[in-house]
Structure formats: C-alpha cells, structure tokens
Amino acid sequence: MTSGSPSSAPTAFQDLMPGNYCWGCGPTVKTGLRLKSRWVGDEVVCDWTPRPEFAAGPRHILYGGIISAVMDCHSIWAAIATTYREDAREVGSEPLVWYVTGLLKVSYHKPTPIDLPLTLTSRVERVDGRKSTVTCSLVSDGEERAIGEMLAVRVPLKWFEPRTHGS
C-alpha cells in the first residue's frame, strides 16, 4: 500500500483489468495471493504479507516457490503498466494489454521471514519489440532478500480468449 490512508491509495492495477482471474493477483480469487501493484514514481511497488501456509519447512521462513510466484506476478504487472503508461492510457483501457512470462530468474540472498510484510519493487529495464526485461527486488525487515529478472512477452488479445477442449 502506498503512503496515506487506504482510501487515498491509488487503485491497484490488478483491480483495473477486466477478466483478471490470476491466482497471484486476481481480485476475485479467494484463495489466491491477492497482490496489489501501484506506481510509486517510476517503479511499480507492491506491499504484501505472507500467510502461514506458505512456510518453507521451518515455519518462520517463506517458501522460495512463493517468492518466485510473487515476483513473477508483480513483474508482469510492471510490464503491463509500463506499456499503458508509454501509450498514455489508463491500465485496463481497451485494447487490453497482456504479457506472459518468457523467463524468470530468481536469486535468493537471505531467508525471507514469513511473519513480516515484504515489498516488491519492479521496473522495466529494456523493451525490444514484444519483449520487456523487468527487474524485481524483494525486501523484508529492511533487507533485500531476493532479486529477480524476467523476460515478459506481450501476447495478442486472442491469447486471452477461452479455448475449446482439444484446440
């Protein structure tokens, strides 16, 4: 959440995109992670608190797979939001912009506590046609715990259309 009262915080990108059923950030997915990403200056930021069931074995450490999942989802939103910003359009306006993960590399620096909030900070470093390179930092308890680099690939709108079985 950005500074100020919750009512003054900008609407999260994920809440602006129609048809967003992502497990990581879909606003209606009750069992999902429910990430909320927003612009803070030129960076896309998400504050999130892990749940106890995301333990890595030891109950006080966050599972690395969840770390990669939150970096993946949040970094995709950095690519989406950057494209909308460069087009001088609001996130969620037509035509919709969607990206998928082409590559995700996560480097784990320190164990991440499960009982403290964490902050994800992402930015698009490069754009090459449909491909965007996004970096992401995960900070908890004032320390960088992991960094990620993603290749996000823009997909056509037909990718989002439901497919019939066998197609």
Foldseek 3Di string as FASTA:
>chain_A
DDDDDPVPDDFFLLVQAPPDPDLADNPPNVNRQNWGWDDDDQKIKTKGAADQVQDCPPSFFGNPVVVQVNLQVSQQVQVQVVVCVVVVHDRRDPPHWGKHFPDKDKDFDATATRGWMKMKIKHFDDDDPQWTWMKIFIDTPRDTGMIMITIIGIDDPVVVDDDDPPD
